[in-house]
Amino acid sequence: MNLWLTPHAREDLDYWRQSQPAMALRVEKLLDRLAAGEKLPDLGHTRLEFGLVSLMSFKIAPEHRLVLETLGDDLIVHQCRFHY
């Protein structure tokens, strides 16, 4: 599976790397697992429907979500911080 990060998701990950390296490591491990085709642990996932786009939200902290979109063999990360 090909893993792509939007510019917004890259900014979020850079923020974690600078302010909370432990959270950055956690997010990076989750993204590695997704890229390898593994299922994520039960992180309180939710399917988000926005018109024709179907996104998944995974809880990574009480107030932070990982928002993803699957398009064929591509996995697009839209957000790594805050709530959708």
Protein backbone atom coordinates (compact mmCIF):
# COMPACT_ATOMS: atom_id res chain seq x y z
CA MET A 1 0.00 0.00 0.00
CA ASN A 2 1.30 3.46 -0.91
CA LEU A 3 1.20 5.97 1.94
CA TRP A 4 0.73 9.66 1.11
CA LEU A 5 0.57 12.60 3.50
CA THR A 6 -1.19 15.81 2.55
CA PRO A 7 0.67 19.06 3.27
CA HIS A 8 -1.60 19.53 6.29
CA ALA A 9 -0.74 16.07 7.64
CA ARG A 10 2.99 16.77 7.15
CA GLU A 11 2.63 19.98 9.17
CA ASP A 12 0.85 18.04 11.91
CA LEU A 13 3.59 15.40 12.03
CA ASP A 14 6.30 18.09 12.08
CA TYR A 15 4.50 19.73 14.99
CA TRP A 16 4.55 16.45 16.93
CA ARG A 17 8.25 15.93 16.15
CA GLN A 18 9.10 19.36 17.55
CA SER A 19 6.78 19.54 20.55
CA GLN A 20 6.09 15.92 21.59
CA PRO A 21 8.53 13.39 20.11
CA ALA A 22 6.76 10.50 21.86
CA MET A 23 3.49 11.32 20.08
CA ALA A 24 5.37 11.68 16.77
CA LEU A 25 6.85 8.22 17.28
CA ARG A 26 3.42 6.79 18.04
CA VAL A 27 1.91 8.34 14.90
CA GLU A 28 4.84 7.19 12.75
CA LYS A 29 4.49 3.61 14.03
CA LEU A 30 0.77 3.65 13.23
CA LEU A 31 1.48 4.96 9.73
CA ASP A 32 4.14 2.26 9.21
CA ARG A 33 1.64 -0.41 10.22
CA LEU A 34 -0.94 0.98 7.81
CA ALA A 35 1.58 1.14 4.96
CA ALA A 36 2.43 -2.51 5.62
CA GLY A 37 -1.26 -3.40 5.28
CA GLU A 38 -1.73 -4.24 8.97
CA LYS A 39 -4.89 -3.45 10.84
CA LEU A 40 -4.71 -0.83 13.54
CA PRO A 41 -5.50 -1.69 17.12
CA ASP A 42 -8.94 -0.67 18.30
CA LEU A 43 -8.41 3.09 18.43
CA GLY A 44 -12.00 4.17 18.44
CA HIS A 45 -12.35 4.45 14.68
CA THR A 46 -15.22 6.23 12.96
CA ARG A 47 -16.24 6.34 9.32
CA LEU A 48 -16.74 9.92 8.14
CA GLU A 49 -18.89 10.58 5.09
CA PHE A 50 -18.33 13.83 3.20
CA GLY A 51 -20.17 13.65 -0.12
CA LEU A 52 -18.31 11.21 -2.36
CA VAL A 53 -15.26 11.03 -0.11
CA SER A 54 -15.16 8.38 2.61
CA LEU A 55 -12.68 9.01 5.39
CA MET A 56 -11.76 7.05 8.51
CA SER A 57 -10.89 8.70 11.79
CA PHE A 58 -8.76 6.93 14.41
CA LYS A 59 -8.42 8.23 17.93
CA ILE A 60 -4.72 8.69 18.84
CA ALA A 61 -5.28 10.81 21.98
CA PRO A 62 -8.38 12.16 23.71
CA GLU A 63 -8.47 15.28 21.55
CA HIS A 64 -6.47 14.12 18.51
CA ARG A 65 -7.42 12.02 15.50
CA LEU A 66 -5.64 10.41 12.57
CA VAL A 67 -7.86 11.00 9.49
CA LEU A 68 -7.27 8.69 6.52
CA GLU A 69 -8.70 8.02 3.09
CA THR A 70 -8.21 4.84 1.06
CA LEU A 71 -8.14 5.10 -2.73
CA GLY A 72 -7.33 1.76 -4.32
CA ASP A 73 -3.78 0.91 -3.22
CA ASP A 74 -3.18 4.43 -1.91
CA LEU A 75 -3.67 5.50 1.67
CA ILE A 76 -3.90 9.27 2.06
CA VAL A 77 -3.35 10.80 5.49
CA HIS A 78 -5.24 14.07 5.82
CA GLN A 79 -4.68 14.92 9.46
CA CYS A 80 -2.56 13.79 12.43
CA ARG A 81 -3.63 16.31 15.02
CA PHE A 82 -6.78 17.80 16.54
CA HIS A 83 -10.34 16.66 16.01
CA TYR A 84 -11.92 16.41 12.54
